[in-house]
Amino acid sequence: MQITIEVPDDIAQRLRQQWEDIPRHVLESLVLADYQARVLTLDQVRRLLGYATRFEVHGFLKEHGVSFYTEQDLQDDLATLDRPGV
């Protein structure tokens, strides 16, 4: 799906001063917001941004101050630690 938005010229000019690639900035902003809202998964973030690996996604999220380590990850790790012989 392709999405088009209309931005007044004066605002677009100001945005171009801040971000060279406005469409990429808009996409990344949408992806970050929806990942934080738990609308998107890590794999969906990877696909939308065109990354080859989840480690690239981790780097992207870290660069933007967004944790990719979830509460479920913590629970899984704690359960692993509680298992005998681990």
C-alpha atoms as a PDB file:
ATOM      1  CA  MET A   1       0.000   0.000   0.000  1.00  0.00           C
ATOM      2  CA  GLN A   2       1.196   3.471  -0.767  1.00  0.00           C
ATOM      3  CA  ILE A   3       0.085   6.408   1.387  1.00  0.00           C
ATOM      4  CA  THR A   4       0.197  10.027   0.275  1.00  0.00           C
ATOM      5  CA  ILE A   5      -0.126  13.031   2.566  1.00  0.00           C
ATOM      6  CA  GLU A   6      -0.444  16.690   1.673  1.00  0.00           C
ATOM      7  CA  VAL A   7       1.882  19.100   3.455  1.00  0.00           C
ATOM      8  CA  PRO A   8       1.760  22.851   2.872  1.00  0.00           C
ATOM      9  CA  ASP A   9       4.864  24.103   1.050  1.00  0.00           C
ATOM     10  CA  ASP A  10       6.080  26.304   3.892  1.00  0.00           C
ATOM     11  CA  ILE A  11       5.891  23.407   6.358  1.00  0.00           C
ATOM     12  CA  ALA A  12       7.517  21.010   3.890  1.00  0.00           C
ATOM     13  CA  GLN A  13      10.390  23.457   3.452  1.00  0.00           C
ATOM     14  CA  ARG A  14      10.902  23.618   7.219  1.00  0.00           C
ATOM     15  CA  LEU A  15      10.767  19.830   7.487  1.00  0.00           C
ATOM     16  CA  ARG A  16      13.362  19.489   4.709  1.00  0.00           C
ATOM     17  CA  GLN A  17      15.701  21.678   6.755  1.00  0.00           C
ATOM     18  CA  GLN A  18      15.448  19.166   9.593  1.00  0.00           C
ATOM     19  CA  TRP A  19      15.237  15.888   7.660  1.00  0.00           C
ATOM     20  CA  GLU A  20      16.667  15.330   4.224  1.00  0.00           C
ATOM     21  CA  ASP A  21      14.446  12.309   3.518  1.00  0.00           C
ATOM     22  CA  ILE A  22      11.003  13.295   4.791  1.00  0.00           C
ATOM     23  CA  PRO A  23       9.216  10.110   3.617  1.00  0.00           C
ATOM     24  CA  ARG A  24      11.766   7.966   5.489  1.00  0.00           C
ATOM     25  CA  HIS A  25      11.411  10.142   8.584  1.00  0.00           C
ATOM     26  CA  VAL A  26       7.628   9.808   8.476  1.00  0.00           C
ATOM     27  CA  LEU A  27       7.891   6.028   8.044  1.00  0.00           C
ATOM     28  CA  GLU A  28      10.380   5.683  10.909  1.00  0.00           C
ATOM     29  CA  SER A  29       8.233   7.873  13.176  1.00  0.00           C
ATOM     30  CA  LEU A  30       5.152   5.782  12.412  1.00  0.00           C
ATOM     31  CA  VAL A  31       7.052   2.532  12.976  1.00  0.00           C
ATOM     32  CA  LEU A  32       8.512   3.745  16.293  1.00  0.00           C
ATOM     33  CA  ALA A  33       5.139   4.909  17.592  1.00  0.00           C
ATOM     34  CA  ASP A  34       3.374   1.722  16.553  1.00  0.00           C
ATOM     35  CA  TYR A  35       6.127  -0.507  17.937  1.00  0.00           C
ATOM     36  CA  GLN A  36       5.939   1.285  21.286  1.00  0.00           C
ATOM     37  CA  ALA A  37       2.151   0.917  21.251  1.00  0.00           C
ATOM     38  CA  ARG A  38       2.626  -2.831  20.600  1.00  0.00           C
ATOM     39  CA  VAL A  39       0.844  -2.552  17.255  1.00  0.00           C
ATOM     40  CA  LEU A  40       3.915  -3.790  15.351  1.00  0.00           C
ATOM     41  CA  THR A  41       6.243  -6.681  16.131  1.00  0.00           C
ATOM     42  CA  LEU A  42      10.023  -6.612  15.754  1.00  0.00           C
ATOM     43  CA  ASP A  43       9.717  -8.630  12.556  1.00  0.00           C
ATOM     44  CA  GLN A  44       7.158  -6.205  11.132  1.00  0.00           C
ATOM     45  CA  VAL A  45       9.463  -3.292  12.010  1.00  0.00           C
ATOM     46  CA  ARG A  46      12.304  -5.116  10.241  1.00  0.00           C
ATOM     47  CA  ARG A  47      10.230  -5.642   7.103  1.00  0.00           C
ATOM     48  CA  LEU A  48       8.797  -2.122   6.991  1.00  0.00           C
ATOM     49  CA  LEU A  49      12.222  -0.509   7.335  1.00  0.00           C
ATOM     50  CA  GLY A  50      13.925  -2.935   4.954  1.00  0.00           C
ATOM     51  CA  TYR A  51      16.414  -4.358   7.432  1.00  0.00           C
ATOM     52  CA  ALA A  52      17.912  -7.785   6.814  1.00  0.00           C
ATOM     53  CA  THR A  53      18.313  -8.798  10.462  1.00  0.00           C
ATOM     54  CA  ARG A  54      16.687  -8.263  13.823  1.00  0.00           C
ATOM     55  CA  PHE A  55      20.019  -6.907  15.066  1.00  0.00           C
ATOM     56  CA  GLU A  56      19.637  -3.968  12.685  1.00  0.00           C
ATOM     57  CA  VAL A  57      16.192  -3.377  14.192  1.00  0.00           C
ATOM     58  CA  HIS A  58      17.691  -3.517  17.689  1.00  0.00           C
ATOM     59  CA  GLY A  59      20.230  -0.864  16.624  1.00  0.00           C
ATOM     60  CA  PHE A  60      17.496   1.334  15.149  1.00  0.00           C
ATOM     61  CA  LEU A  61      15.392   1.077  18.300  1.00  0.00           C
ATOM     62  CA  LYS A  62      18.382   1.714  20.563  1.00  0.00           C
ATOM     63  CA  GLU A  63      19.337   4.759  18.474  1.00  0.00           C
ATOM     64  CA  HIS A  64      15.859   6.151  19.155  1.00  0.00           C
ATOM     65  CA  GLY A  65      15.823   5.259  22.861  1.00  0.00           C
ATOM     66  CA  VAL A  66      13.232   2.503  22.482  1.00  0.00           C
ATOM     67  CA  SER A  67      13.679  -0.753  24.374  1.00  0.00           C
ATOM     68  CA  PHE A  68      13.264  -3.967  22.443  1.00  0.00           C
ATOM     69  CA  TYR A  69      13.527  -6.097  25.583  1.00  0.00           C
ATOM     70  CA  THR A  70       9.933  -6.755  26.573  1.00  0.00           C
ATOM     71  CA  GLU A  71       8.271  -7.758  29.817  1.00  0.00           C
ATOM     72  CA  GLN A  72       7.685 -11.165  28.235  1.00  0.00           C
ATOM     73  CA  ASP A  73      11.410 -11.452  27.494  1.00  0.00           C
ATOM     74  CA  LEU A  74      12.114 -10.800  31.166  1.00  0.00           C
ATOM     75  CA  GLN A  75       9.566 -13.394  32.281  1.00  0.00           C
ATOM     76  CA  ASP A  76      11.047 -15.957  29.890  1.00  0.00           C
ATOM     77  CA  ASP A  77      14.563 -15.255  31.168  1.00  0.00           C
ATOM     78  CA  LEU A  78      13.461 -15.545  34.797  1.00  0.00           C
ATOM     79  CA  ALA A  79      11.698 -18.834  34.063  1.00  0.00           C
ATOM     80  CA  THR A  80      14.886 -20.144  32.481  1.00  0.00           C
ATOM     81  CA  LEU A  81      16.905 -19.194  35.549  1.00  0.00           C
ATOM     82  CA  ASP A  82      14.413 -21.021  37.795  1.00  0.00           C
ATOM     83  CA  ARG A  83      14.840 -24.315  35.945  1.00  0.00           C
ATOM     84  CA  PRO A  84      17.051 -26.908  37.671  1.00  0.00           C
ATOM     85  CA  GLY A  85      20.375 -27.547  35.972  1.00  0.00           C
ATOM     86  CA  VAL A  86      20.449 -24.236  34.115  1.00  0.00           C
END
